[in-house]
Amino acid sequence: MTKMRTFAAAAVAAVSLALGAAATPASATTTRADCSTWNDNNTVGVYCADYPDATTFRAVARCNNGTTVHGPWQPVGKGVWSYAYCTSVGSSLMLGGYQTA
């Protein structure tokens, strides 16, 4: 099951937009992900040093023209970032986040 986490770009922090997030069932043990996110007006970057129950992650960007773009899948804990570029579809960033699998 792919899981999605989202964060708002600074210009649209009040906007709430689901990017197809999967519901995560509650468990008796709380685990925490160790993921870092970065964004500017056009790009979302994500790095996950640790993510329980996931082996890969990728950046996801919802662009102002309505298009969703994805960065490449990267392995958790290997020091590699994933970037999704709205400029690849001639737009700027509305909302960013990441998926895990």
N, C-alpha and C. Protein backbone atom coordinates (compact mmCIF):
# COMPACT_ATOMS: atom_id res chain seq x y z
N MET A 1 0.84 -1.17 0.00
CA MET A 1 0.00 0.00 0.00
C MET A 1 0.89 1.23 0.00
N THR A 2 0.61 2.17 -0.85
CA THR A 2 1.34 3.42 -0.92
C THR A 2 0.72 4.41 0.06
N LYS A 3 1.56 5.09 0.82
CA LYS A 3 1.08 6.10 1.76
C LYS A 3 1.52 7.46 1.27
N MET A 4 0.71 8.48 1.53
CA MET A 4 1.02 9.83 1.08
C MET A 4 1.02 10.78 2.26
N ARG A 5 2.00 11.64 2.31
CA ARG A 5 2.07 12.72 3.27
C ARG A 5 2.15 14.01 2.48
N THR A 6 1.47 15.05 2.95
CA THR A 6 1.51 16.32 2.23
C THR A 6 1.92 17.45 3.15
N PHE A 7 2.49 18.47 2.59
CA PHE A 7 2.78 19.71 3.28
C PHE A 7 2.47 20.84 2.31
N ALA A 8 2.08 21.97 2.84
CA ALA A 8 1.69 23.09 1.99
C ALA A 8 2.89 23.95 1.65
N ALA A 9 2.95 24.42 0.43
CA ALA A 9 3.95 25.40 0.04
C ALA A 9 3.63 26.69 0.79
N ALA A 10 4.63 27.49 1.05
CA ALA A 10 4.46 28.69 1.88
C ALA A 10 3.35 29.59 1.39
N ALA A 11 3.21 29.73 0.08
CA ALA A 11 2.21 30.64 -0.47
C ALA A 11 0.79 30.14 -0.30
N VAL A 12 0.62 28.85 -0.04
CA VAL A 12 -0.73 28.30 0.06
C VAL A 12 -0.88 27.45 1.31
N ALA A 13 -0.32 27.90 2.40
CA ALA A 13 -0.32 27.11 3.63
C ALA A 13 -1.74 26.81 4.12
N ALA A 14 -2.69 27.66 3.80
CA ALA A 14 -4.05 27.45 4.27
C ALA A 14 -4.86 26.53 3.37
N VAL A 15 -4.34 26.19 2.21
CA VAL A 15 -5.07 25.36 1.26
C VAL A 15 -4.95 23.89 1.66
N SER A 16 -6.06 23.20 1.69
CA SER A 16 -6.03 21.77 1.98
C SER A 16 -6.44 21.04 0.72
N LEU A 17 -5.54 20.18 0.21
CA LEU A 17 -5.79 19.48 -1.03
C LEU A 17 -5.26 18.07 -0.92
N ALA A 18 -6.13 17.08 -1.04
CA ALA A 18 -5.68 15.70 -0.96
C ALA A 18 -5.07 15.28 -2.29
N LEU A 19 -3.95 14.60 -2.22
CA LEU A 19 -3.29 14.08 -3.42
C LEU A 19 -3.45 12.57 -3.48
N GLY A 20 -4.61 12.07 -3.11
CA GLY A 20 -4.84 10.64 -3.15
C GLY A 20 -4.26 9.93 -1.95
N ALA A 21 -4.29 10.55 -0.80
CA ALA A 21 -3.70 9.96 0.40
C ALA A 21 -4.44 8.70 0.82
N ALA A 22 -3.68 7.71 1.18
CA ALA A 22 -4.24 6.45 1.67
C ALA A 22 -4.39 6.53 3.18
N ALA A 23 -5.47 6.01 3.70
CA ALA A 23 -5.68 5.99 5.13
C ALA A 23 -4.71 5.01 5.77
N THR A 24 -4.16 5.40 6.90
CA THR A 24 -3.24 4.53 7.63
C THR A 24 -3.96 4.03 8.87
N PRO A 25 -4.06 2.70 9.05
CA PRO A 25 -4.76 2.19 10.22
C PRO A 25 -3.99 2.51 11.49
N ALA A 26 -4.73 2.72 12.58
CA ALA A 26 -4.11 2.97 13.87
C ALA A 26 -3.48 1.68 14.38
N SER A 27 -2.39 1.83 15.12
CA SER A 27 -1.75 0.65 15.68
C SER A 27 -1.46 0.89 17.15
N ALA A 28 -1.20 -0.18 17.87
CA ALA A 28 -0.92 -0.08 19.29
C ALA A 28 0.42 0.59 19.54
N THR A 29 1.34 0.47 18.60
CA THR A 29 2.67 1.06 18.74
C THR A 29 2.77 2.26 17.80
N THR A 30 3.17 3.38 18.34
CA THR A 30 3.35 4.57 17.51
C THR A 30 4.77 4.59 16.96
N THR A 31 4.89 4.71 15.65
CA THR A 31 6.19 4.80 15.01
C THR A 31 6.30 6.15 14.33
N ARG A 32 7.52 6.65 14.22
CA ARG A 32 7.72 7.96 13.62
C ARG A 32 8.61 7.86 12.40
N ALA A 33 8.23 8.57 11.40
CA ALA A 33 9.05 8.66 10.20
C ALA A 33 10.11 9.75 10.41
N ASP A 34 11.23 9.58 9.76
CA ASP A 34 12.29 10.59 9.78
C ASP A 34 12.50 11.05 8.35
N CYS A 35 11.63 11.96 7.91
CA CYS A 35 11.69 12.49 6.54
C CYS A 35 11.87 14.00 6.59
N SER A 36 12.65 14.51 5.66
CA SER A 36 12.85 15.95 5.52
C SER A 36 12.24 16.39 4.20
N THR A 37 11.64 17.57 4.20
CA THR A 37 11.06 18.11 2.97
C THR A 37 11.62 19.50 2.72
N TRP A 38 11.65 19.86 1.48
CA TRP A 38 12.12 21.16 1.04
C TRP A 38 11.26 21.59 -0.14
N ASN A 39 11.00 22.87 -0.27
CA ASN A 39 10.31 23.36 -1.46
C ASN A 39 10.68 24.80 -1.74
N ASP A 40 10.54 25.16 -3.00
CA ASP A 40 10.58 26.56 -3.40
C ASP A 40 9.30 26.82 -4.20
N ASN A 41 9.27 27.82 -5.04
CA ASN A 41 8.05 28.14 -5.78
C ASN A 41 7.70 27.13 -6.87
N ASN A 42 8.65 26.25 -7.22
CA ASN A 42 8.44 25.34 -8.36
C ASN A 42 8.69 23.87 -8.05
N THR A 43 9.38 23.56 -6.97
CA THR A 43 9.91 22.22 -6.75
C THR A 43 9.66 21.73 -5.34
N VAL A 44 9.46 20.42 -5.21
CA VAL A 44 9.38 19.74 -3.92
C VAL A 44 10.53 18.75 -3.85
N GLY A 45 11.24 18.76 -2.73
CA GLY A 45 12.29 17.78 -2.49
C GLY A 45 12.00 17.03 -1.20
N VAL A 46 12.28 15.73 -1.19
CA VAL A 46 12.02 14.89 -0.02
C VAL A 46 13.19 13.93 0.19
N TYR A 47 13.53 13.71 1.46
CA TYR A 47 14.51 12.71 1.84
C TYR A 47 13.98 11.99 3.08
N CYS A 48 14.01 10.67 3.07
CA CYS A 48 13.58 9.88 4.23
C CYS A 48 14.77 9.06 4.75
N ALA A 49 15.26 9.42 5.93
CA ALA A 49 16.34 8.68 6.56
C ALA A 49 15.82 7.37 7.17
N ASP A 50 14.58 7.39 7.64
CA ASP A 50 13.95 6.21 8.23
C ASP A 50 12.45 6.33 8.04
N TYR A 51 11.83 5.23 7.73
CA TYR A 51 10.37 5.22 7.61
C TYR A 51 9.90 3.80 7.90
N PRO A 52 9.35 3.57 9.09
CA PRO A 52 8.88 2.23 9.43
C PRO A 52 7.86 1.73 8.41
N ASP A 53 7.96 0.49 8.05
CA ASP A 53 7.03 -0.16 7.11
C ASP A 53 7.12 0.36 5.68
N ALA A 54 8.17 1.06 5.32
CA ALA A 54 8.35 1.52 3.94
C ALA A 54 9.81 1.33 3.55
N THR A 55 10.03 1.03 2.29
CA THR A 55 11.39 0.88 1.80
C THR A 55 11.75 1.93 0.76
N THR A 56 10.74 2.58 0.18
CA THR A 56 10.98 3.62 -0.82
C THR A 56 10.06 4.81 -0.59
N PHE A 57 10.43 5.94 -1.17
CA PHE A 57 9.64 7.18 -1.09
C PHE A 57 9.85 7.95 -2.38
N ARG A 58 8.94 8.90 -2.65
CA ARG A 58 9.12 9.82 -3.78
C ARG A 58 8.40 11.12 -3.49
N ALA A 59 8.90 12.20 -4.07
CA ALA A 59 8.29 13.51 -3.96
C ALA A 59 7.07 13.58 -4.88
N VAL A 60 6.06 14.32 -4.45
CA VAL A 60 4.85 14.54 -5.23
C VAL A 60 4.52 16.02 -5.18
N ALA A 61 4.26 16.62 -6.34
CA ALA A 61 3.92 18.04 -6.41
C ALA A 61 2.60 18.22 -7.13
N ARG A 62 1.71 18.99 -6.53
CA ARG A 62 0.48 19.42 -7.19
C ARG A 62 0.77 20.82 -7.70
N CYS A 63 0.68 21.00 -9.00
CA CYS A 63 1.06 22.26 -9.62
C CYS A 63 -0.15 23.17 -9.81
N ASN A 64 0.11 24.45 -9.96
CA ASN A 64 -0.97 25.43 -10.09
C ASN A 64 -1.82 25.23 -11.34
N ASN A 65 -1.31 24.52 -12.34
CA ASN A 65 -2.11 24.26 -13.54
C ASN A 65 -2.96 22.99 -13.39
N GLY A 66 -2.97 22.39 -12.19
CA GLY A 66 -3.80 21.22 -11.93
C GLY A 66 -3.11 19.89 -12.16
N THR A 67 -1.90 19.91 -12.66
CA THR A 67 -1.15 18.69 -12.93
C THR A 67 -0.42 18.21 -11.67
N THR A 68 -0.35 16.91 -11.49
CA THR A 68 0.45 16.32 -10.42
C THR A 68 1.68 15.68 -11.04
N VAL A 69 2.84 16.02 -10.52
CA VAL A 69 4.09 15.43 -11.00
C VAL A 69 4.77 14.68 -9.85
N HIS A 70 5.55 13.67 -10.22
CA HIS A 70 6.21 12.81 -9.24
C HIS A 70 7.71 12.80 -9.46
N GLY A 71 8.44 12.74 -8.37
CA GLY A 71 9.87 12.51 -8.45
C GLY A 71 10.12 11.02 -8.54
N PRO A 72 11.37 10.62 -8.75
CA PRO A 72 11.68 9.19 -8.82
C PRO A 72 11.60 8.52 -7.45
N TRP A 73 11.24 7.24 -7.44
CA TRP A 73 11.27 6.45 -6.20
C TRP A 73 12.71 6.34 -5.75
N GLN A 74 12.95 6.55 -4.46
CA GLN A 74 14.28 6.44 -3.88
C GLN A 74 14.23 5.50 -2.67
N PRO A 75 15.33 4.83 -2.34
CA PRO A 75 15.34 3.95 -1.18
C PRO A 75 15.43 4.74 0.13
N VAL A 76 14.67 4.32 1.13
CA VAL A 76 14.73 4.93 2.45
C VAL A 76 16.11 4.69 3.05
N GLY A 77 16.68 5.74 3.67
CA GLY A 77 17.91 5.61 4.41
C GLY A 77 19.19 5.55 3.61
N LYS A 78 19.15 5.86 2.34
CA LYS A 78 20.35 5.77 1.49
C LYS A 78 20.96 7.12 1.14
N GLY A 79 20.45 8.20 1.73
CA GLY A 79 21.04 9.52 1.50
C GLY A 79 20.68 10.18 0.19
N VAL A 80 19.60 9.73 -0.45
CA VAL A 80 19.23 10.25 -1.76
C VAL A 80 17.90 11.01 -1.65
N TRP A 81 17.84 12.18 -2.26
CA TRP A 81 16.62 12.99 -2.30
C TRP A 81 15.82 12.65 -3.55
N SER A 82 14.51 12.85 -3.48
CA SER A 82 13.62 12.78 -4.63
C SER A 82 13.05 14.18 -4.85
N TYR A 83 13.03 14.62 -6.12
CA TYR A 83 12.52 15.95 -6.45
C TYR A 83 11.42 15.84 -7.50
N ALA A 84 10.35 16.62 -7.31
CA ALA A 84 9.28 16.73 -8.29
C ALA A 84 9.25 18.19 -8.75
N TYR A 85 9.29 18.39 -10.07
CA TYR A 85 9.43 19.73 -10.66
C TYR A 85 8.16 20.15 -11.40
N CYS A 86 7.49 21.18 -10.92
CA CYS A 86 6.34 21.72 -11.65
C CYS A 86 6.78 22.43 -12.93
N THR A 87 8.01 22.87 -12.99
CA THR A 87 8.50 23.50 -14.21
C THR A 87 8.49 22.51 -15.38
N SER A 88 8.51 21.21 -15.07
CA SER A 88 8.48 20.20 -16.15
C SER A 88 7.15 20.20 -16.89
N VAL A 89 6.12 20.82 -16.29
CA VAL A 89 4.81 20.93 -16.95
C VAL A 89 4.41 22.39 -17.11
N GLY A 90 5.41 23.29 -17.10
CA GLY A 90 5.17 24.71 -17.34
C GLY A 90 4.35 25.40 -16.28
N SER A 91 4.55 25.03 -15.01
CA SER A 91 3.75 25.60 -13.94
C SER A 91 4.62 25.87 -12.71
N SER A 92 3.98 26.28 -11.64
CA SER A 92 4.63 26.50 -10.36
C SER A 92 3.93 25.65 -9.30
N LEU A 93 4.53 25.56 -8.14
CA LEU A 93 4.05 24.67 -7.07
C LEU A 93 2.85 25.24 -6.32
N MET A 94 1.82 24.41 -6.16
CA MET A 94 0.69 24.75 -5.30
C MET A 94 0.84 24.04 -3.95
N LEU A 95 1.11 22.73 -4.01
CA LEU A 95 1.14 21.90 -2.81
C LEU A 95 2.12 20.76 -3.04
N GLY A 96 2.86 20.39 -2.03
CA GLY A 96 3.82 19.32 -2.17
C GLY A 96 3.68 18.28 -1.07
N GLY A 97 4.28 17.14 -1.30
CA GLY A 97 4.26 16.08 -0.33
C GLY A 97 5.09 14.91 -0.79
N TYR A 98 4.83 13.74 -0.20
CA TYR A 98 5.56 12.55 -0.61
C TYR A 98 4.73 11.31 -0.41
N GLN A 99 5.13 10.26 -1.11
CA GLN A 99 4.52 8.95 -1.00
C GLN A 99 5.57 7.98 -0.52
N THR A 100 5.14 6.95 0.18
CA THR A 100 6.03 5.85 0.57
C THR A 100 5.44 4.54 0.10
N ALA A 101 6.30 3.59 -0.08
CA ALA A 101 5.85 2.25 -0.48
C ALA A 101 6.76 1.22 0.14
